[in-house]
PDB file of N, CA and C in Angstrom:
ATOM      1  N   MET A   1       0.847  -1.158   0.000  1.00  0.00           N
ATOM      2  CA  MET A   1       0.000   0.000   0.000  1.00  0.00           C
ATOM      3  C   MET A   1       0.902   1.234   0.000  1.00  0.00           C
ATOM      4  N   LYS A   2       0.483   2.260  -0.734  1.00  0.00           N
ATOM      5  CA  LYS A   2       1.267   3.490  -0.817  1.00  0.00           C
ATOM      6  C   LYS A   2       0.420   4.704  -0.468  1.00  0.00           C
ATOM      7  N   ILE A   3       1.089   5.749   0.006  1.00  0.00           N
ATOM      8  CA  ILE A   3       0.447   7.052   0.157  1.00  0.00           C
ATOM      9  C   ILE A   3       0.480   7.713  -1.215  1.00  0.00           C
ATOM     10  N   VAL A   4      -0.695   8.122  -1.718  1.00  0.00           N
ATOM     11  CA  VAL A   4      -0.773   8.709  -3.057  1.00  0.00           C
ATOM     12  C   VAL A   4      -1.053  10.205  -3.032  1.00  0.00           C
ATOM     13  N   SER A   5      -1.476  10.726  -1.910  1.00  0.00           N
ATOM     14  CA  SER A   5      -1.622  12.172  -1.725  1.00  0.00           C
ATOM     15  C   SER A   5      -1.520  12.435  -0.234  1.00  0.00           C
ATOM     16  N   TYR A   6      -1.135  13.662   0.112  1.00  0.00           N
ATOM     17  CA  TYR A   6      -1.017  13.994   1.527  1.00  0.00           C
ATOM     18  C   TYR A   6      -0.964  15.496   1.663  1.00  0.00           C
ATOM     19  N   ASP A   7      -1.104  15.975   2.877  1.00  0.00           N
ATOM     20  CA  ASP A   7      -1.042  17.392   3.193  1.00  0.00           C
ATOM     21  C   ASP A   7       0.158  18.047   2.522  1.00  0.00           C
ATOM     22  N   SER A   8      -0.024  19.261   2.055  1.00  0.00           N
ATOM     23  CA  SER A   8       1.040  19.954   1.310  1.00  0.00           C
ATOM     24  C   SER A   8       2.337  20.099   2.095  1.00  0.00           C
ATOM     25  N   ALA A   9       2.263  20.081   3.410  1.00  0.00           N
ATOM     26  CA  ALA A   9       3.476  20.213   4.228  1.00  0.00           C
ATOM     27  C   ALA A   9       4.290  18.923   4.248  1.00  0.00           C
ATOM     28  N   ARG A  10       3.709  17.823   3.815  1.00  0.00           N
ATOM     29  CA  ARG A  10       4.398  16.523   3.868  1.00  0.00           C
ATOM     30  C   ARG A  10       4.384  15.817   2.521  1.00  0.00           C
ATOM     31  N   LYS A  11       4.663  16.524   1.471  1.00  0.00           N
ATOM     32  CA  LYS A  11       4.721  15.926   0.126  1.00  0.00           C
ATOM     33  C   LYS A  11       5.755  14.802   0.058  1.00  0.00           C
ATOM     34  N   ASP A  12       6.713  14.795   0.992  1.00  0.00           N
ATOM     35  CA  ASP A  12       7.742  13.749   1.008  1.00  0.00           C
ATOM     36  C   ASP A  12       7.151  12.361   1.281  1.00  0.00           C
ATOM     37  N   LEU A  13       5.931  12.312   1.801  1.00  0.00           N
ATOM     38  CA  LEU A  13       5.301  11.024   2.090  1.00  0.00           C
ATOM     39  C   LEU A  13       4.688  10.373   0.849  1.00  0.00           C
ATOM     40  N   ILE A  14       4.410  11.159  -0.170  1.00  0.00           N
ATOM     41  CA  ILE A  14       3.764  10.627  -1.367  1.00  0.00           C
ATOM     42  C   ILE A  14       4.673   9.597  -2.033  1.00  0.00           C
ATOM     43  N   GLY A  15       4.101   8.440  -2.308  1.00  0.00           N
ATOM     44  CA  GLY A  15       4.836   7.351  -2.938  1.00  0.00           C
ATOM     45  C   GLY A  15       5.451   6.378  -1.956  1.00  0.00           C
ATOM     46  N   GLN A  16       5.431   6.710  -0.665  1.00  0.00           N
ATOM     47  CA  GLN A  16       6.023   5.799   0.325  1.00  0.00           C
ATOM     48  C   GLN A  16       5.126   4.592   0.576  1.00  0.00           C
ATOM     49  N   GLU A  17       5.754   3.442   0.681  1.00  0.00           N
ATOM     50  CA  GLU A  17       5.057   2.214   1.064  1.00  0.00           C
ATOM     51  C   GLU A  17       4.733   2.300   2.553  1.00  0.00           C
ATOM     52  N   VAL A  18       3.531   1.884   2.911  1.00  0.00           N
ATOM     53  CA  VAL A  18       3.108   1.925   4.311  1.00  0.00           C
ATOM     54  C   VAL A  18       2.390   0.636   4.677  1.00  0.00           C
ATOM     55  N   THR A  19       2.304   0.402   5.981  1.00  0.00           N
ATOM     56  CA  THR A  19       1.566  -0.726   6.534  1.00  0.00           C
ATOM     57  C   THR A  19       0.515  -0.166   7.480  1.00  0.00           C
ATOM     58  N   ILE A  20      -0.698  -0.681   7.398  1.00  0.00           N
ATOM     59  CA  ILE A  20      -1.772  -0.216   8.277  1.00  0.00           C
ATOM     60  C   ILE A  20      -1.518  -0.693   9.700  1.00  0.00           C
ATOM     61  N   LEU A  21      -1.599   0.243  10.645  1.00  0.00           N
ATOM     62  CA  LEU A  21      -1.540  -0.110  12.065  1.00  0.00           C
ATOM     63  C   LEU A  21      -2.949  -0.318  12.604  1.00  0.00           C
ATOM     64  N   ARG A  22      -3.824   0.672  12.325  1.00  0.00           N
ATOM     65  CA  ARG A  22      -5.219   0.524  12.731  1.00  0.00           C
ATOM     66  C   ARG A  22      -6.070   1.554  12.008  1.00  0.00           C
ATOM     67  N   ILE A  23      -7.347   1.234  11.894  1.00  0.00           N
ATOM     68  CA  ILE A  23      -8.313   2.125  11.265  1.00  0.00           C
ATOM     69  C   ILE A  23      -9.231   2.661  12.356  1.00  0.00           C
ATOM     70  N   VAL A  24      -9.368   3.966  12.410  1.00  0.00           N
ATOM     71  CA  VAL A  24     -10.246   4.616  13.388  1.00  0.00           C
ATOM     72  C   VAL A  24     -11.614   4.785  12.737  1.00  0.00           C
ATOM     73  N   THR A  25     -12.603   4.046  13.230  1.00  0.00           N
ATOM     74  CA  THR A  25     -13.949   4.112  12.665  1.00  0.00           C
ATOM     75  C   THR A  25     -14.968   4.700  13.629  1.00  0.00           C
ATOM     76  N   GLU A  26     -14.638   4.691  14.901  1.00  0.00           N
ATOM     77  CA  GLU A  26     -15.536   5.205  15.927  1.00  0.00           C
ATOM     78  C   GLU A  26     -14.922   6.451  16.541  1.00  0.00           C
ATOM     79  N   PRO A  27     -15.740   7.463  16.879  1.00  0.00           N
ATOM     80  CA  PRO A  27     -15.203   8.685  17.486  1.00  0.00           C
ATOM     81  C   PRO A  27     -14.379   8.375  18.729  1.00  0.00           C
ATOM     82  N   GLU A  28     -13.256   9.052  18.843  1.00  0.00           N
ATOM     83  CA  GLU A  28     -12.415   8.961  20.028  1.00  0.00           C
ATOM     84  C   GLU A  28     -11.767  10.319  20.231  1.00  0.00           C
ATOM     85  N   SER A  29     -11.104  10.504  21.327  1.00  0.00           N
ATOM     86  CA  SER A  29     -10.487  11.784  21.641  1.00  0.00           C
ATOM     87  C   SER A  29      -9.596  12.271  20.498  1.00  0.00           C
ATOM     88  N   GLY A  30      -9.815  13.495  20.058  1.00  0.00           N
ATOM     89  CA  GLY A  30      -8.985  14.077  19.014  1.00  0.00           C
ATOM     90  C   GLY A  30      -9.534  13.922  17.608  1.00  0.00           C
ATOM     91  N   PHE A  31     -10.657  13.223  17.447  1.00  0.00           N
ATOM     92  CA  PHE A  31     -11.247  13.019  16.122  1.00  0.00           C
ATOM     93  C   PHE A  31     -12.669  13.559  16.085  1.00  0.00           C
ATOM     94  N   ASP A  32     -12.964  14.368  15.093  1.00  0.00           N
ATOM     95  CA  ASP A  32     -14.340  14.762  14.839  1.00  0.00           C
ATOM     96  C   ASP A  32     -14.996  13.637  14.057  1.00  0.00           C
ATOM     97  N   PRO A  33     -16.202  13.246  14.408  1.00  0.00           N
ATOM     98  CA  PRO A  33     -16.860  12.141  13.711  1.00  0.00           C
ATOM     99  C   PRO A  33     -16.965  12.352  12.201  1.00  0.00           C
ATOM    100  N   GLU A  34     -17.037  13.613  11.757  1.00  0.00           N
ATOM    101  CA  GLU A  34     -17.185  13.903  10.332  1.00  0.00           C
ATOM    102  C   GLU A  34     -15.972  13.490   9.504  1.00  0.00           C
ATOM    103  N   VAL A  35     -14.794  13.382  10.113  1.00  0.00           N
ATOM    104  CA  VAL A  35     -13.581  13.072   9.348  1.00  0.00           C
ATOM    105  C   VAL A  35     -13.271  11.574   9.312  1.00  0.00           C
ATOM    106  N   LEU A  36     -14.044  10.792  10.035  1.00  0.00           N
ATOM    107  CA  LEU A  36     -13.784   9.360  10.097  1.00  0.00           C
ATOM    108  C   LEU A  36     -14.371   8.644   8.891  1.00  0.00           C
ATOM    109  N   PRO A  37     -13.829   7.528   8.491  1.00  0.00           N
ATOM    110  CA  PRO A  37     -12.702   6.819   9.101  1.00  0.00           C
ATOM    111  C   PRO A  37     -11.355   7.421   8.683  1.00  0.00           C
ATOM    112  N   MET A  38     -10.378   7.209   9.537  1.00  0.00           N
ATOM    113  CA  MET A  38      -8.997   7.590   9.265  1.00  0.00           C
ATOM    114  C   MET A  38      -8.120   6.379   9.558  1.00  0.00           C
ATOM    115  N   VAL A  39      -6.905   6.392   9.026  1.00  0.00           N
ATOM    116  CA  VAL A  39      -6.045   5.219   9.109  1.00  0.00           C
ATOM    117  C   VAL A  39      -4.676   5.606   9.671  1.00  0.00           C
ATOM    118  N   TYR A  40      -4.262   4.919  10.734  1.00  0.00           N
ATOM    119  CA  TYR A  40      -2.886   5.049  11.211  1.00  0.00           C
ATOM    120  C   TYR A  40      -2.041   4.083  10.404  1.00  0.00           C
ATOM    121  N   VAL A  41      -0.980   4.593   9.775  1.00  0.00           N
ATOM    122  CA  VAL A  41      -0.061   3.754   9.013  1.00  0.00           C
ATOM    123  C   VAL A  41       1.355   4.001   9.501  1.00  0.00           C
ATOM    124  N   VAL A  42       2.241   3.068   9.198  1.00  0.00           N
ATOM    125  CA  VAL A  42       3.654   3.231   9.514  1.00  0.00           C
ATOM    126  C   VAL A  42       4.430   3.140   8.204  1.00  0.00           C
ATOM    127  N   THR A  43       5.361   4.079   8.022  1.00  0.00           N
ATOM    128  CA  THR A  43       6.177   4.096   6.811  1.00  0.00           C
ATOM    129  C   THR A  43       7.328   3.110   6.943  1.00  0.00           C
ATOM    130  N   ALA A  44       8.031   2.898   5.853  1.00  0.00           N
ATOM    131  CA  ALA A  44       9.201   2.015   5.858  1.00  0.00           C
ATOM    132  C   ALA A  44      10.288   2.544   6.786  1.00  0.00           C
ATOM    133  N   TYR A  45      10.221   3.843   7.110  1.00  0.00           N
ATOM    134  CA  TYR A  45      11.209   4.458   7.993  1.00  0.00           C
ATOM    135  C   TYR A  45      10.773   4.446   9.451  1.00  0.00           C
ATOM    136  N   GLY A  46       9.611   3.819   9.730  1.00  0.00           N
ATOM    137  CA  GLY A  46       9.149   3.697  11.109  1.00  0.00           C
ATOM    138  C   GLY A  46       8.326   4.866  11.609  1.00  0.00           C
ATOM    139  N   GLU A  47       7.984   5.803  10.733  1.00  0.00           N
ATOM    140  CA  GLU A  47       7.186   6.959  11.137  1.00  0.00           C
ATOM    141  C   GLU A  47       5.704   6.597  11.090  1.00  0.00           C
ATOM    142  N   THR A  48       4.971   6.905  12.173  1.00  0.00           N
ATOM    143  CA  THR A  48       3.531   6.689  12.206  1.00  0.00           C
ATOM    144  C   THR A  48       2.843   7.943  11.699  1.00  0.00           C
ATOM    145  N   VAL A  49       1.916   7.745  10.755  1.00  0.00           N
ATOM    146  CA  VAL A  49       1.229   8.848  10.088  1.00  0.00           C
ATOM    147  C   VAL A  49      -0.263   8.543  10.082  1.00  0.00           C
ATOM    148  N   LEU A  50      -1.069   9.582  10.200  1.00  0.00           N
ATOM    149  CA  LEU A  50      -2.513   9.447  10.136  1.00  0.00           C
ATOM    150  C   LEU A  50      -2.986   9.910   8.761  1.00  0.00           C
ATOM    151  N   CYS A  51      -3.743   9.071   8.060  1.00  0.00           N
ATOM    152  CA  CYS A  51      -4.183   9.368   6.697  1.00  0.00           C
ATOM    153  C   CYS A  51      -5.695   9.251   6.564  1.00  0.00           C
ATOM    154  N   PHE A  52      -6.224   9.969   5.583  1.00  0.00           N
ATOM    155  CA  PHE A  52      -7.592   9.729   5.129  1.00  0.00           C
ATOM    156  C   PHE A  52      -7.551   8.517   4.204  1.00  0.00           C
ATOM    157  N   LEU A  53      -8.663   7.812   4.063  1.00  0.00           N
ATOM    158  CA  LEU A  53      -8.710   6.622   3.208  1.00  0.00           C
ATOM    159  C   LEU A  53      -8.278   6.918   1.786  1.00  0.00           C
ATOM    160  N   ASP A  54      -8.723   8.059   1.239  1.00  0.00           N
ATOM    161  CA  ASP A  54      -8.432   8.355  -0.166  1.00  0.00           C
ATOM    162  C   ASP A  54      -6.987   8.781  -0.408  1.00  0.00           C
ATOM    163  N   GLU A  55      -6.200   8.874   0.647  1.00  0.00           N
ATOM    164  CA  GLU A  55      -4.779   9.180   0.495  1.00  0.00           C
ATOM    165  C   GLU A  55      -3.952   7.914   0.294  1.00  0.00           C
ATOM    166  N   LEU A  56      -4.612   6.751   0.341  1.00  0.00           N
ATOM    167  CA  LEU A  56      -3.921   5.464   0.237  1.00  0.00           C
ATOM    168  C   LEU A  56      -4.365   4.703  -1.006  1.00  0.00           C
ATOM    169  N   ASP A  57      -3.430   3.970  -1.601  1.00  0.00           N
ATOM    170  CA  ASP A  57      -3.741   3.126  -2.743  1.00  0.00           C
ATOM    171  C   ASP A  57      -3.046   1.780  -2.575  1.00  0.00           C
ATOM    172  N   PRO A  58      -3.771   0.678  -2.580  1.00  0.00           N
ATOM    173  CA  PRO A  58      -5.218   0.642  -2.710  1.00  0.00           C
ATOM    174  C   PRO A  58      -5.901   1.155  -1.443  1.00  0.00           C
ATOM    175  N   MET A  59      -7.091   1.728  -1.626  1.00  0.00           N
ATOM    176  CA  MET A  59      -7.838   2.270  -0.500  1.00  0.00           C
ATOM    177  C   MET A  59      -8.319   1.115   0.374  1.00  0.00           C
ATOM    178  N   PRO A  60      -8.055   1.189   1.700  1.00  0.00           N
ATOM    179  CA  PRO A  60      -8.491   0.098   2.583  1.00  0.00           C
ATOM    180  C   PRO A  60     -10.014  -0.009   2.632  1.00  0.00           C
ATOM    181  N   GLU A  61     -10.497  -1.229   2.738  1.00  0.00           N
ATOM    182  CA  GLU A  61     -11.929  -1.450   2.916  1.00  0.00           C
ATOM    183  C   GLU A  61     -12.233  -1.354   4.398  1.00  0.00           C
ATOM    184  N   VAL A  62     -13.236  -0.579   4.738  1.00  0.00           N
ATOM    185  CA  VAL A  62     -13.590  -0.393   6.137  1.00  0.00           C
ATOM    186  C   VAL A  62     -14.959  -1.008   6.382  1.00  0.00           C
ATOM    187  N   VAL A  63     -15.005  -1.921   7.344  1.00  0.00           N
ATOM    188  CA  VAL A  63     -16.253  -2.563   7.727  1.00  0.00           C
ATOM    189  C   VAL A  63     -16.537  -2.151   9.167  1.00  0.00           C
ATOM    190  N   PRO A  64     -17.698  -1.502   9.423  1.00  0.00           N
ATOM    191  CA  PRO A  64     -18.020  -1.104  10.801  1.00  0.00           C
ATOM    192  C   PRO A  64     -17.992  -2.287  11.740  1.00  0.00           C
ATOM    193  N   LEU A  65     -17.566  -2.044  12.972  1.00  0.00           N
ATOM    194  CA  LEU A  65     -17.467  -3.118  13.961  1.00  0.00           C
ATOM    195  C   LEU A  65     -18.789  -3.849  14.140  1.00  0.00           C
ATOM    196  N   SER A  66     -19.903  -3.158  14.011  1.00  0.00           N
ATOM    197  CA  SER A  66     -21.209  -3.783  14.206  1.00  0.00           C
ATOM    198  C   SER A  66     -21.479  -4.874  13.175  1.00  0.00           C
ATOM    199  N   LEU A  67     -20.763  -4.872  12.035  1.00  0.00           N
ATOM    200  CA  LEU A  67     -20.956  -5.882  11.005  1.00  0.00           C
ATOM    201  C   LEU A  67     -20.035  -7.081  11.162  1.00  0.00           C
ATOM    202  N   HIS A  68     -19.130  -7.033  12.134  1.00  0.00           N
ATOM    203  CA  HIS A  68     -18.179  -8.134  12.335  1.00  0.00           C
ATOM    204  C   HIS A  68     -18.810  -9.327  13.039  1.00  0.00           C
ATOM    205  N   ASN A  69     -19.961  -9.144  13.627  1.00  0.00           N
ATOM    206  CA  ASN A  69     -20.598 -10.232  14.399  1.00  0.00           C
ATOM    207  C   ASN A  69     -21.274 -11.234  13.528  1.00  0.00           C
TER     208      ASN A  69
END
């Protein structure tokens, strides 16, 4: 998976391979519900970055926890 777009201040992240750490689907401290889901990823250099789904390719599939049962 790669970052395909990102905030203008971090253009250096574009094209980097990343691994998903976790997907935030439920509101928690520091997140407005309107911006969810968001994805914590780690770069090949060990940096943890928070991304919107459309900033990643392929875009991760998000299934709400209520559908896991």
